[in-house]
C-alpha atoms as a PDB file:
ATOM      1  CA  UNK A   1     -39.103  88.454-225.843  1.00  0.00           C
ATOM      2  CA  UNK A   2     -40.000  91.533-227.956  1.00  0.00           C
ATOM      3  CA  UNK A   3     -43.186  93.373-227.213  1.00  0.00           C
ATOM      4  CA  UNK A   4     -45.634  93.008-230.087  1.00  0.00           C
ATOM      5  CA  UNK A   5     -46.446  96.150-231.993  1.00  0.00           C
ATOM      6  CA  UNK A   6     -49.977  97.389-232.501  1.00  0.00           C
ATOM      7  CA  UNK A   7     -51.956  95.917-235.374  1.00  0.00           C
ATOM      8  CA  UNK A   8     -53.941  99.184-235.724  1.00  0.00           C
ATOM      9  CA  UNK A   9     -52.635 101.400-238.545  1.00  0.00           C
ATOM     10  CA  UNK A  10     -53.332 105.061-239.277  1.00  0.00           C
ATOM     11  CA  UNK A  11     -54.258 106.904-242.470  1.00  0.00           C
ATOM     12  CA  UNK A  12     -52.383 110.060-241.328  1.00  0.00           C
ATOM     13  CA  UNK A  13     -48.963 110.859-239.928  1.00  0.00           C
ATOM     14  CA  UNK A  14     -49.420 111.740-236.240  1.00  0.00           C
ATOM     15  CA  UNK A  15     -46.083 113.507-236.123  1.00  0.00           C
ATOM     16  CA  UNK A  16     -46.401 115.770-239.194  1.00  0.00           C
ATOM     17  CA  UNK A  17     -46.982 119.489-238.996  1.00  0.00           C
ATOM     18  CA  UNK A  18     -50.366 120.781-240.224  1.00  0.00           C
ATOM     19  CA  UNK A  19     -53.955 119.929-239.683  1.00  0.00           C
ATOM     20  CA  UNK A  20     -54.751 116.351-240.608  1.00  0.00           C
ATOM     21  CA  UNK A  21     -57.976 114.265-240.336  1.00  0.00           C
ATOM     22  CA  UNK A  22     -58.207 110.581-240.992  1.00  0.00           C
ATOM     23  CA  UNK A  23     -58.821 107.222-239.345  1.00  0.00           C
ATOM     24  CA  UNK A  24     -57.232 104.575-237.228  1.00  0.00           C
ATOM     25  CA  UNK A  25     -57.811 101.202-238.947  1.00  0.00           C
ATOM     26  CA  UNK A  26     -58.910  98.561-236.456  1.00  0.00           C
ATOM     27  CA  UNK A  27     -58.610  95.081-238.074  1.00  0.00           C
ATOM     28  CA  UNK A  28     -62.051  93.400-238.260  1.00  0.00           C
ATOM     29  CA  UNK A  29     -62.057  90.309-240.439  1.00  0.00           C
ATOM     30  CA  UNK A  30     -65.661  89.012-240.305  1.00  0.00           C
ATOM     31  CA  UNK A  31     -68.041  86.969-242.488  1.00  0.00           C
ATOM     32  CA  UNK A  32     -69.299  89.940-244.496  1.00  0.00           C
ATOM     33  CA  UNK A  33     -65.855  91.484-244.938  1.00  0.00           C
ATOM     34  CA  UNK A  34     -62.869  89.177-244.998  1.00  0.00           C
ATOM     35  CA  UNK A  35     -60.220  91.930-245.195  1.00  0.00           C
ATOM     36  CA  UNK A  36     -62.212  94.628-243.421  1.00  0.00           C
ATOM     37  CA  UNK A  37     -61.384  97.148-240.766  1.00  0.00           C
ATOM     38  CA  UNK A  38     -63.292  99.573-238.533  1.00  0.00           C
ATOM     39  CA  UNK A  39     -62.336 103.167-239.155  1.00  0.00           C
ATOM     40  CA  UNK A  40     -61.883 105.221-235.958  1.00  0.00           C
ATOM     41  CA  UNK A  41     -61.759 109.007-236.588  1.00  0.00           C
ATOM     42  CA  UNK A  42     -58.570 110.752-235.497  1.00  0.00           C
ATOM     43  CA  UNK A  43     -57.185 114.180-236.106  1.00  0.00           C
ATOM     44  CA  UNK A  44     -53.937 116.016-235.466  1.00  0.00           C
ATOM     45  CA  UNK A  45     -53.218 119.754-235.408  1.00  0.00           C
ATOM     46  CA  UNK A  46     -49.481 120.364-235.126  1.00  0.00           C
ATOM     47  CA  UNK A  47     -47.303 123.443-235.485  1.00  0.00           C
ATOM     48  CA  UNK A  48     -43.647 123.402-234.511  1.00  0.00           C
ATOM     49  CA  UNK A  49     -42.417 122.699-231.030  1.00  0.00           C
ATOM     50  CA  UNK A  50     -44.511 122.621-227.901  1.00  0.00           C
ATOM     51  CA  UNK A  51     -46.524 120.256-225.622  1.00  0.00           C
ATOM     52  CA  UNK A  52     -48.693 117.531-227.029  1.00  0.00           C
ATOM     53  CA  UNK A  53     -52.252 117.351-225.652  1.00  0.00           C
ATOM     54  CA  UNK A  54     -54.300 114.148-226.265  1.00  0.00           C
ATOM     55  CA  UNK A  55     -58.052 114.686-226.231  1.00  0.00           C
ATOM     56  CA  UNK A  56     -60.407 111.734-226.245  1.00  0.00           C
ATOM     57  CA  UNK A  57     -64.107 111.126-226.097  1.00  0.00           C
ATOM     58  CA  UNK A  58     -66.457 108.216-226.784  1.00  0.00           C
ATOM     59  CA  UNK A  59     -64.576 105.752-224.585  1.00  0.00           C
ATOM     60  CA  UNK A  60     -68.126 104.652-223.763  1.00  0.00           C
ATOM     61  CA  UNK A  61     -70.366 104.729-226.779  1.00  0.00           C
ATOM     62  CA  UNK A  62     -73.406 106.343-225.193  1.00  0.00           C
ATOM     63  CA  UNK A  63     -71.678 109.534-224.045  1.00  0.00           C
ATOM     64  CA  UNK A  64     -71.921 112.557-226.375  1.00  0.00           C
ATOM     65  CA  UNK A  65     -70.681 115.863-224.950  1.00  0.00           C
ATOM     66  CA  UNK A  66     -67.036 114.956-225.561  1.00  0.00           C
ATOM     67  CA  UNK A  67     -67.396 113.872-229.216  1.00  0.00           C
ATOM     68  CA  UNK A  68     -69.431 116.978-230.067  1.00  0.00           C
ATOM     69  CA  UNK A  69     -66.903 119.336-228.433  1.00  0.00           C
ATOM     70  CA  UNK A  70     -63.902 117.608-229.914  1.00  0.00           C
ATOM     71  CA  UNK A  71     -65.161 117.448-233.464  1.00  0.00           C
ATOM     72  CA  UNK A  72     -66.114 121.119-233.255  1.00  0.00           C
ATOM     73  CA  UNK A  73     -62.641 121.934-231.970  1.00  0.00           C
ATOM     74  CA  UNK A  74     -61.036 120.234-234.982  1.00  0.00           C
ATOM     75  CA  UNK A  75     -63.352 122.036-237.435  1.00  0.00           C
ATOM     76  CA  UNK A  76     -62.637 125.457-235.875  1.00  0.00           C
ATOM     77  CA  UNK A  77     -58.860 125.391-235.047  1.00  0.00           C
ATOM     78  CA  UNK A  78     -56.222 126.044-237.725  1.00  0.00           C
ATOM     79  CA  UNK A  79     -52.597 124.911-237.486  1.00  0.00           C
ATOM     80  CA  UNK A  80     -51.336 128.508-237.363  1.00  0.00           C
ATOM     81  CA  UNK A  81     -53.200 128.974-234.057  1.00  0.00           C
ATOM     82  CA  UNK A  82     -51.296 126.135-232.430  1.00  0.00           C
ATOM     83  CA  UNK A  83     -47.860 125.930-230.796  1.00  0.00           C
ATOM     84  CA  UNK A  84     -47.205 122.194-230.270  1.00  0.00           C
ATOM     85  CA  UNK A  85     -49.623 119.399-231.062  1.00  0.00           C
ATOM     86  CA  UNK A  86     -53.206 118.435-230.434  1.00  0.00           C
ATOM     87  CA  UNK A  87     -54.254 114.844-231.022  1.00  0.00           C
ATOM     88  CA  UNK A  88     -58.022 114.292-231.074  1.00  0.00           C
ATOM     89  CA  UNK A  89     -59.870 110.957-231.022  1.00  0.00           C
ATOM     90  CA  UNK A  90     -63.483 111.925-230.587  1.00  0.00           C
ATOM     91  CA  UNK A  91     -65.035 108.441-230.621  1.00  0.00           C
ATOM     92  CA  UNK A  92     -62.250 106.233-229.320  1.00  0.00           C
ATOM     93  CA  UNK A  93     -64.581 103.227-228.938  1.00  0.00           C
ATOM     94  CA  UNK A  94     -66.035 103.557-232.401  1.00  0.00           C
ATOM     95  CA  UNK A  95     -67.850 100.212-232.455  1.00  0.00           C
ATOM     96  CA  UNK A  96     -69.639 101.102-229.157  1.00  0.00           C
ATOM     97  CA  UNK A  97     -70.321 104.642-230.333  1.00  0.00           C
ATOM     98  CA  UNK A  98     -71.913 103.441-233.576  1.00  0.00           C
ATOM     99  CA  UNK A  99     -74.153 101.101-231.509  1.00  0.00           C
ATOM    100  CA  UNK A 100     -74.934 103.690-228.811  1.00  0.00           C
ATOM    101  CA  UNK A 101     -73.816 101.338-226.072  1.00  0.00           C
ATOM    102  CA  UNK A 102     -71.447 101.537-223.197  1.00  0.00           C
ATOM    103  CA  UNK A 103     -69.515  98.445-224.143  1.00  0.00           C
ATOM    104  CA  UNK A 104     -68.502  97.264-227.633  1.00  0.00           C
ATOM    105  CA  UNK A 105     -71.050  95.134-229.461  1.00  0.00           C
ATOM    106  CA  UNK A 106     -68.157  93.127-230.859  1.00  0.00           C
ATOM    107  CA  UNK A 107     -66.742  91.720-227.598  1.00  0.00           C
ATOM    108  CA  UNK A 108     -68.999  93.233-224.878  1.00  0.00           C
ATOM    109  CA  UNK A 109     -65.911  94.729-223.089  1.00  0.00           C
ATOM    110  CA  UNK A 110     -65.755  98.086-221.267  1.00  0.00           C
ATOM    111  CA  UNK A 111     -62.823  99.938-222.805  1.00  0.00           C
ATOM    112  CA  UNK A 112     -62.090 101.843-219.635  1.00  0.00           C
ATOM    113  CA  UNK A 113     -61.655  98.606-217.700  1.00  0.00           C
ATOM    114  CA  UNK A 114     -59.345  97.047-220.286  1.00  0.00           C
ATOM    115  CA  UNK A 115     -55.983  98.944-220.166  1.00  0.00           C
ATOM    116  CA  UNK A 116     -53.249  98.188-221.089  1.00  0.00           C
ATOM    117  CA  UNK A 117     -55.076  95.942-223.524  1.00  0.00           C
ATOM    118  CA  UNK A 118     -53.399  93.468-225.931  1.00  0.00           C
ATOM    119  CA  UNK A 119     -52.029  93.958-229.414  1.00  0.00           C
ATOM    120  CA  UNK A 120     -53.523  90.670-230.587  1.00  0.00           C
ATOM    121  CA  UNK A 121     -56.646  90.639-228.377  1.00  0.00           C
ATOM    122  CA  UNK A 122     -60.246  91.471-229.074  1.00  0.00           C
ATOM    123  CA  UNK A 123     -61.294  94.685-230.806  1.00  0.00           C
ATOM    124  CA  UNK A 124     -61.609  96.645-227.481  1.00  0.00           C
ATOM    125  CA  UNK A 125     -58.266  95.228-226.247  1.00  0.00           C
ATOM    126  CA  UNK A 126     -56.513  96.366-229.425  1.00  0.00           C
ATOM    127  CA  UNK A 127     -57.881  99.865-229.004  1.00  0.00           C
ATOM    128  CA  UNK A 128     -56.634 100.016-225.426  1.00  0.00           C
ATOM    129  CA  UNK A 129     -53.218  98.715-226.472  1.00  0.00           C
ATOM    130  CA  UNK A 130     -53.000 101.393-229.221  1.00  0.00           C
ATOM    131  CA  UNK A 131     -53.667 104.143-226.682  1.00  0.00           C
ATOM    132  CA  UNK A 132     -50.931 102.799-224.345  1.00  0.00           C
ATOM    133  CA  UNK A 133     -48.361 101.982-226.995  1.00  0.00           C
ATOM    134  CA  UNK A 134     -48.842 104.781-229.493  1.00  0.00           C
ATOM    135  CA  UNK A 135     -50.827 107.762-228.148  1.00  0.00           C
ATOM    136  CA  UNK A 136     -49.782 108.152-224.522  1.00  0.00           C
ATOM    137  CA  UNK A 137     -46.037 107.959-225.278  1.00  0.00           C
ATOM    138  CA  UNK A 138     -46.571 110.921-227.581  1.00  0.00           C
ATOM    139  CA  UNK A 139     -48.550 112.960-225.061  1.00  0.00           C
ATOM    140  CA  UNK A 140     -47.630 115.358-222.287  1.00  0.00           C
ATOM    141  CA  UNK A 141     -51.208 116.061-221.212  1.00  0.00           C
ATOM    142  CA  UNK A 142     -54.531 114.223-221.649  1.00  0.00           C
ATOM    143  CA  UNK A 143     -58.193 115.070-221.176  1.00  0.00           C
ATOM    144  CA  UNK A 144     -60.607 112.178-221.460  1.00  0.00           C
ATOM    145  CA  UNK A 145     -64.240 113.326-221.655  1.00  0.00           C
ATOM    146  CA  UNK A 146     -67.072 111.218-220.222  1.00  0.00           C
ATOM    147  CA  UNK A 147     -70.722 111.373-219.157  1.00  0.00           C
ATOM    148  CA  UNK A 148     -72.937 108.963-217.255  1.00  0.00           C
ATOM    149  CA  UNK A 149     -74.043 107.100-220.349  1.00  0.00           C
ATOM    150  CA  UNK A 150     -77.422 105.467-220.627  1.00  0.00           C
ATOM    151  CA  UNK A 151     -77.729 104.298-217.059  1.00  0.00           C
ATOM    152  CA  UNK A 152     -76.617 107.417-215.092  1.00  0.00           C
ATOM    153  CA  UNK A 153     -76.999 111.134-215.105  1.00  0.00           C
ATOM    154  CA  UNK A 154     -74.435 113.507-213.698  1.00  0.00           C
ATOM    155  CA  UNK A 155     -74.296 117.136-212.701  1.00  0.00           C
ATOM    156  CA  UNK A 156     -71.581 118.354-215.112  1.00  0.00           C
ATOM    157  CA  UNK A 157     -68.377 117.894-213.193  1.00  0.00           C
ATOM    158  CA  UNK A 158     -64.630 117.910-213.801  1.00  0.00           C
ATOM    159  CA  UNK A 159     -62.724 114.978-212.200  1.00  0.00           C
ATOM    160  CA  UNK A 160     -59.177 115.551-211.135  1.00  0.00           C
ATOM    161  CA  UNK A 161     -56.557 113.179-209.690  1.00  0.00           C
ATOM    162  CA  UNK A 162     -55.504 113.638-206.102  1.00  0.00           C
ATOM    163  CA  UNK A 163     -51.806 113.262-205.176  1.00  0.00           C
ATOM    164  CA  UNK A 164     -49.758 113.108-202.006  1.00  0.00           C
ATOM    165  CA  UNK A 165     -46.848 114.757-203.862  1.00  0.00           C
ATOM    166  CA  UNK A 166     -47.155 118.530-203.539  1.00  0.00           C
ATOM    167  CA  UNK A 167     -45.533 119.281-206.880  1.00  0.00           C
ATOM    168  CA  UNK A 168     -47.930 116.954-208.720  1.00  0.00           C
ATOM    169  CA  UNK A 169     -50.824 118.486-206.846  1.00  0.00           C
ATOM    170  CA  UNK A 170     -49.808 121.968-207.913  1.00  0.00           C
ATOM    171  CA  UNK A 171     -49.504 120.950-211.551  1.00  0.00           C
ATOM    172  CA  UNK A 172     -52.946 119.366-211.405  1.00  0.00           C
ATOM    173  CA  UNK A 173     -54.459 122.353-209.728  1.00  0.00           C
ATOM    174  CA  UNK A 174     -53.094 124.659-212.459  1.00  0.00           C
ATOM    175  CA  UNK A 175     -54.922 122.529-215.074  1.00  0.00           C
ATOM    176  CA  UNK A 176     -58.117 122.484-212.946  1.00  0.00           C
ATOM    177  CA  UNK A 177     -58.092 126.257-212.706  1.00  0.00           C
ATOM    178  CA  UNK A 178     -57.489 126.580-216.421  1.00  0.00           C
ATOM    179  CA  UNK A 179     -60.389 124.239-217.226  1.00  0.00           C
ATOM    180  CA  UNK A 180     -62.715 126.381-215.185  1.00  0.00           C
ATOM    181  CA  UNK A 181     -65.477 123.987-214.203  1.00  0.00           C
ATOM    182  CA  UNK A 182     -68.120 125.019-211.710  1.00  0.00           C
ATOM    183  CA  UNK A 183     -67.738 121.733-209.845  1.00  0.00           C
ATOM    184  CA  UNK A 184     -64.520 119.719-209.386  1.00  0.00           C
ATOM    185  CA  UNK A 185     -64.262 116.291-207.725  1.00  0.00           C
ATOM    186  CA  UNK A 186     -60.842 115.049-206.629  1.00  0.00           C
ATOM    187  CA  UNK A 187     -60.565 111.271-206.861  1.00  0.00           C
ATOM    188  CA  UNK A 188     -58.124 108.398-207.146  1.00  0.00           C
ATOM    189  CA  UNK A 189     -57.508 108.186-210.880  1.00  0.00           C
ATOM    190  CA  UNK A 190     -55.178 105.263-210.456  1.00  0.00           C
ATOM    191  CA  UNK A 191     -57.992 102.958-209.302  1.00  0.00           C
ATOM    192  CA  UNK A 192     -61.027 105.066-210.410  1.00  0.00           C
ATOM    193  CA  UNK A 193     -64.442 104.893-208.872  1.00  0.00           C
ATOM    194  CA  UNK A 194     -64.789 101.110-209.050  1.00  0.00           C
ATOM    195  CA  UNK A 195     -61.474 100.437-207.348  1.00  0.00           C
ATOM    196  CA  UNK A 196     -59.916  98.940-210.482  1.00  0.00           C
ATOM    197  CA  UNK A 197     -56.530  99.873-211.955  1.00  0.00           C
ATOM    198  CA  UNK A 198     -57.352  98.880-215.543  1.00  0.00           C
ATOM    199  CA  UNK A 199     -58.387 102.494-216.321  1.00  0.00           C
ATOM    200  CA  UNK A 200     -56.943 105.076-218.647  1.00  0.00           C
ATOM    201  CA  UNK A 201     -55.968 107.431-215.897  1.00  0.00           C
ATOM    202  CA  UNK A 202     -53.630 104.795-214.344  1.00  0.00           C
ATOM    203  CA  UNK A 203     -51.784 104.300-217.616  1.00  0.00           C
ATOM    204  CA  UNK A 204     -51.618 108.024-218.281  1.00  0.00           C
ATOM    205  CA  UNK A 205     -49.844 108.321-214.928  1.00  0.00           C
ATOM    206  CA  UNK A 206     -47.521 105.484-215.732  1.00  0.00           C
ATOM    207  CA  UNK A 207     -46.494 107.324-218.906  1.00  0.00           C
ATOM    208  CA  UNK A 208     -45.940 110.623-217.035  1.00  0.00           C
ATOM    209  CA  UNK A 209     -48.966 112.208-218.700  1.00  0.00           C
ATOM    210  CA  UNK A 210     -50.901 114.898-216.718  1.00  0.00           C
ATOM    211  CA  UNK A 211     -54.512 113.736-216.755  1.00  0.00           C
ATOM    212  CA  UNK A 212     -57.998 115.211-216.339  1.00  0.00           C
ATOM    213  CA  UNK A 213     -61.333 113.649-216.946  1.00  0.00           C
ATOM    214  CA  UNK A 214     -64.940 114.390-216.050  1.00  0.00           C
ATOM    215  CA  UNK A 215     -68.642 113.467-216.197  1.00  0.00           C
ATOM    216  CA  UNK A 216     -70.507 116.106-218.153  1.00  0.00           C
ATOM    217  CA  UNK A 217     -74.016 114.800-218.432  1.00  0.00           C
ATOM    218  CA  UNK A 218     -75.682 111.418-218.969  1.00  0.00           C
ATOM    219  CA  UNK A 219     -78.848 109.589-219.850  1.00  0.00           C
ATOM    220  CA  UNK A 220     -77.534 108.952-223.399  1.00  0.00           C
ATOM    221  CA  UNK A 221     -78.445 112.517-224.290  1.00  0.00           C
ATOM    222  CA  UNK A 222     -76.610 115.849-224.677  1.00  0.00           C
ATOM    223  CA  UNK A 223     -76.394 118.021-221.595  1.00  0.00           C
ATOM    224  CA  UNK A 224     -76.108 121.549-223.013  1.00  0.00           C
ATOM    225  CA  UNK A 225     -74.563 122.902-219.819  1.00  0.00           C
ATOM    226  CA  UNK A 226     -72.081 120.021-219.773  1.00  0.00           C
ATOM    227  CA  UNK A 227     -71.242 120.655-223.433  1.00  0.00           C
ATOM    228  CA  UNK A 228     -70.577 124.342-222.839  1.00  0.00           C
ATOM    229  CA  UNK A 229     -68.356 123.427-219.848  1.00  0.00           C
ATOM    230  CA  UNK A 230     -66.373 120.992-221.943  1.00  0.00           C
ATOM    231  CA  UNK A 231     -65.883 123.439-224.840  1.00  0.00           C
ATOM    232  CA  UNK A 232     -64.717 126.172-222.519  1.00  0.00           C
ATOM    233  CA  UNK A 233     -62.605 123.785-220.484  1.00  0.00           C
ATOM    234  CA  UNK A 234     -60.579 122.241-223.260  1.00  0.00           C
ATOM    235  CA  UNK A 235     -59.840 125.633-224.739  1.00  0.00           C
ATOM    236  CA  UNK A 236     -58.871 126.943-221.330  1.00  0.00           C
ATOM    237  CA  UNK A 237     -56.361 124.145-220.778  1.00  0.00           C
ATOM    238  CA  UNK A 238     -54.961 124.491-224.281  1.00  0.00           C
ATOM    239  CA  UNK A 239     -54.583 128.241-223.760  1.00  0.00           C
ATOM    240  CA  UNK A 240     -52.935 127.774-220.338  1.00  0.00           C
ATOM    241  CA  UNK A 241     -50.421 125.391-221.836  1.00  0.00           C
ATOM    242  CA  UNK A 242     -49.614 127.800-224.629  1.00  0.00           C
ATOM    243  CA  UNK A 243     -50.755 125.290-227.239  1.00  0.00           C
ATOM    244  CA  UNK A 244     -53.736 127.313-228.523  1.00  0.00           C
ATOM    245  CA  UNK A 245     -54.043 131.100-228.984  1.00  0.00           C
ATOM    246  CA  UNK A 246     -57.555 131.977-227.771  1.00  0.00           C
ATOM    247  CA  UNK A 247     -59.217 134.693-225.763  1.00  0.00           C
ATOM    248  CA  UNK A 248     -61.528 133.372-223.020  1.00  0.00           C
ATOM    249  CA  UNK A 249     -63.514 135.008-220.228  1.00  0.00           C
ATOM    250  CA  UNK A 250     -62.257 134.461-216.679  1.00  0.00           C
ATOM    251  CA  UNK A 251     -63.277 130.985-215.377  1.00  0.00           C
ATOM    252  CA  UNK A 252     -65.954 130.713-212.699  1.00  0.00           C
ATOM    253  CA  UNK A 253     -65.049 129.965-209.072  1.00  0.00           C
ATOM    254  CA  UNK A 254     -65.041 126.231-208.600  1.00  0.00           C
ATOM    255  CA  UNK A 255     -66.704 124.243-205.818  1.00  0.00           C
ATOM    256  CA  UNK A 256     -64.484 121.366-204.770  1.00  0.00           C
ATOM    257  CA  UNK A 257     -65.577 117.868-203.665  1.00  0.00           C
ATOM    258  CA  UNK A 258     -64.357 114.333-202.949  1.00  0.00           C
ATOM    259  CA  UNK A 259     -66.344 111.159-203.398  1.00  0.00           C
ATOM    260  CA  UNK A 260     -64.158 108.344-201.995  1.00  0.00           C
ATOM    261  CA  UNK A 261     -66.254 107.275-199.000  1.00  0.00           C
ATOM    262  CA  UNK A 262     -68.304 104.090-199.637  1.00  0.00           C
ATOM    263  CA  UNK A 263     -71.276 105.558-197.791  1.00  0.00           C
ATOM    264  CA  UNK A 264     -71.702 108.214-200.510  1.00  0.00           C
ATOM    265  CA  UNK A 265     -72.979 105.475-202.912  1.00  0.00           C
ATOM    266  CA  UNK A 266     -76.372 103.777-202.983  1.00  0.00           C
ATOM    267  CA  UNK A 267     -76.861 100.322-204.593  1.00  0.00           C
ATOM    268  CA  UNK A 268     -79.914  98.210-205.179  1.00  0.00           C
ATOM    269  CA  UNK A 269     -80.054  95.147-202.949  1.00  0.00           C
ATOM    270  CA  UNK A 270     -82.766  93.447-205.011  1.00  0.00           C
ATOM    271  CA  UNK A 271     -84.545  93.587-208.370  1.00  0.00           C
ATOM    272  CA  UNK A 272     -87.492  95.840-208.931  1.00  0.00           C
ATOM    273  CA  UNK A 273     -88.207  99.358-210.083  1.00  0.00           C
ATOM    274  CA  UNK A 274     -86.591 102.405-208.498  1.00  0.00           C
ATOM    275  CA  UNK A 275     -88.352 105.441-207.230  1.00  0.00           C
ATOM    276  CA  UNK A 276     -85.689 108.068-206.376  1.00  0.00           C
ATOM    277  CA  UNK A 277     -86.182 110.244-203.278  1.00  0.00           C
ATOM    278  CA  UNK A 278     -83.571 112.896-204.179  1.00  0.00           C
ATOM    279  CA  UNK A 279     -82.776 115.118-207.114  1.00  0.00           C
ATOM    280  CA  UNK A 280     -79.498 116.184-208.671  1.00  0.00           C
ATOM    281  CA  UNK A 281     -77.744 119.024-206.967  1.00  0.00           C
ATOM    282  CA  UNK A 282     -79.493 118.852-203.635  1.00  0.00           C
ATOM    283  CA  UNK A 283     -77.759 118.399-200.320  1.00  0.00           C
ATOM    284  CA  UNK A 284     -78.597 115.040-198.733  1.00  0.00           C
ATOM    285  CA  UNK A 285     -78.278 114.275-195.065  1.00  0.00           C
ATOM    286  CA  UNK A 286     -76.464 111.213-193.763  1.00  0.00           C
ATOM    287  CA  UNK A 287     -78.833 108.270-193.478  1.00  0.00           C
ATOM    288  CA  UNK A 288     -81.317 109.809-195.897  1.00  0.00           C
ATOM    289  CA  UNK A 289     -83.404 107.569-198.186  1.00  0.00           C
ATOM    290  CA  UNK A 290     -81.900 107.403-201.686  1.00  0.00           C
ATOM    291  CA  UNK A 291     -84.999 105.792-203.081  1.00  0.00           C
ATOM    292  CA  UNK A 292     -87.614 103.017-202.852  1.00  0.00           C
ATOM    293  CA  UNK A 293     -87.468  99.713-204.714  1.00  0.00           C
ATOM    294  CA  UNK A 294     -90.841  98.419-205.681  1.00  0.00           C
ATOM    295  CA  UNK A 295     -91.622  94.727-206.176  1.00  0.00           C
ATOM    296  CA  UNK A 296     -92.587  94.006-209.794  1.00  0.00           C
ATOM    297  CA  UNK A 297     -94.358  90.727-209.013  1.00  0.00           C
ATOM    298  CA  UNK A 298     -96.127  91.949-205.933  1.00  0.00           C
ATOM    299  CA  UNK A 299     -96.520  95.693-206.476  1.00  0.00           C
ATOM    300  CA  UNK A 300     -98.933  96.004-203.524  1.00  0.00           C
ATOM    301  CA  UNK A 301     -96.111  95.161-201.127  1.00  0.00           C
ATOM    302  CA  UNK A 302     -94.468  98.065-199.361  1.00  0.00           C
ATOM    303  CA  UNK A 303     -91.484  99.258-201.345  1.00  0.00           C
ATOM    304  CA  UNK A 304     -88.071  98.685-199.713  1.00  0.00           C
ATOM    305  CA  UNK A 305     -86.066 101.841-198.910  1.00  0.00           C
ATOM    306  CA  UNK A 306     -82.366 102.133-199.786  1.00  0.00           C
ATOM    307  CA  UNK A 307     -80.348 104.662-197.719  1.00  0.00           C
ATOM    308  CA  UNK A 308     -77.210 106.709-198.122  1.00  0.00           C
ATOM    309  CA  UNK A 309     -74.983 106.105-195.160  1.00  0.00           C
ATOM    310  CA  UNK A 310     -73.100 109.382-195.541  1.00  0.00           C
ATOM    311  CA  UNK A 311     -74.325 112.879-196.466  1.00  0.00           C
ATOM    312  CA  UNK A 312     -73.275 115.205-199.316  1.00  0.00           C
ATOM    313  CA  UNK A 313     -74.345 116.887-202.535  1.00  0.00           C
ATOM    314  CA  UNK A 314     -76.142 114.675-205.069  1.00  0.00           C
ATOM    315  CA  UNK A 315     -73.905 114.461-208.130  1.00  0.00           C
ATOM    316  CA  UNK A 316     -75.246 111.419-209.816  1.00  0.00           C
ATOM    317  CA  UNK A 317     -78.624 109.579-210.203  1.00  0.00           C
ATOM    318  CA  UNK A 318     -79.732 106.430-212.061  1.00  0.00           C
ATOM    319  CA  UNK A 319     -81.553 106.984-215.305  1.00  0.00           C
ATOM    320  CA  UNK A 320     -83.392 103.681-215.574  1.00  0.00           C
ATOM    321  CA  UNK A 321     -86.213 102.779-213.127  1.00  0.00           C
ATOM    322  CA  UNK A 322     -85.782  99.013-213.615  1.00  0.00           C
ATOM    323  CA  UNK A 323     -82.948  97.725-211.366  1.00  0.00           C
ATOM    324  CA  UNK A 324     -81.260  94.499-210.471  1.00  0.00           C
ATOM    325  CA  UNK A 325     -79.313  93.728-207.289  1.00  0.00           C
ATOM    326  CA  UNK A 326     -75.949  95.463-207.426  1.00  0.00           C
ATOM    327  CA  UNK A 327     -77.013  98.344-209.693  1.00  0.00           C
ATOM    328  CA  UNK A 328     -75.742 101.810-208.670  1.00  0.00           C
ATOM    329  CA  UNK A 329     -78.655 104.117-207.895  1.00  0.00           C
ATOM    330  CA  UNK A 330     -76.546 107.216-207.653  1.00  0.00           C
ATOM    331  CA  UNK A 331     -73.993 108.877-205.400  1.00  0.00           C
ATOM    332  CA  UNK A 332     -73.115 111.940-203.484  1.00  0.00           C
ATOM    333  CA  UNK A 333     -69.924 113.983-203.040  1.00  0.00           C
ATOM    334  CA  UNK A 334     -68.533 115.746-199.960  1.00  0.00           C
ATOM    335  CA  UNK A 335     -67.609 119.394-200.408  1.00  0.00           C
ATOM    336  CA  UNK A 336     -64.132 120.414-199.307  1.00  0.00           C
END
């Protein structure tokens, strides 16, 4: 049985030399628009032979450092500066981005838990399938830019896959050094933080694409430090690969972390409102209180403490005070 082709079309030729900006056309036949589509911005900058680097942002619609940095890159870079190809999709989940939400308002699906998607599925599933069937096969390298979104805030941090294979580790480390982030967390990009394999990093790996990602802010706002890190980082990687001619200052020395241990995460065990007992960037001892959960209906009751089992540096904290059982309150990372 033949594999179905994508139903998403493009207004530009992704394989043509030059600088081209246009849209992916995501079919969207609805009551108000029988033959409508949702335009998803896409750009290519190509000049002759060389590696292809795929740059994406807006996988979650309430994360903004990536889209700003990527659209600025497209405005500033000319084809004559490039050797190879840069493909930029700054707001990959355009329906979610337009709504300012993590998941799409069309189908309420998290794009980064949907891969490989389906060519004839929901809007989010079609986007995921387009990435796997059309974009990743063209790419040699990929950087997918994230932040904590509305519900979480992160210390701006590059995330890099960790491998048992020494050659793969060396290739990743070269990209990490070129990106030049002050903090780097090594993690399992095949199963991501939630233990699922339906993430973009897994399918980049299946396509032989070298992959970096990161969390560069959060709270549905723009972290200026995270934005500066992203702008310097993507240019650093492009320069390292020989794709972009650019002069950059030497990158800072990176602090390196891991965050795989379950005890580094704190979760609410009941509904209420959360009073944190730590701040981003501080070192937290094992067994320390992550926060207190207050009872909304009986606020005079003593609040219930939630503890971190392990110790480490506070990388992430919850934005919203209101919580339900199972909500992540934040997490730490252990320095290497």
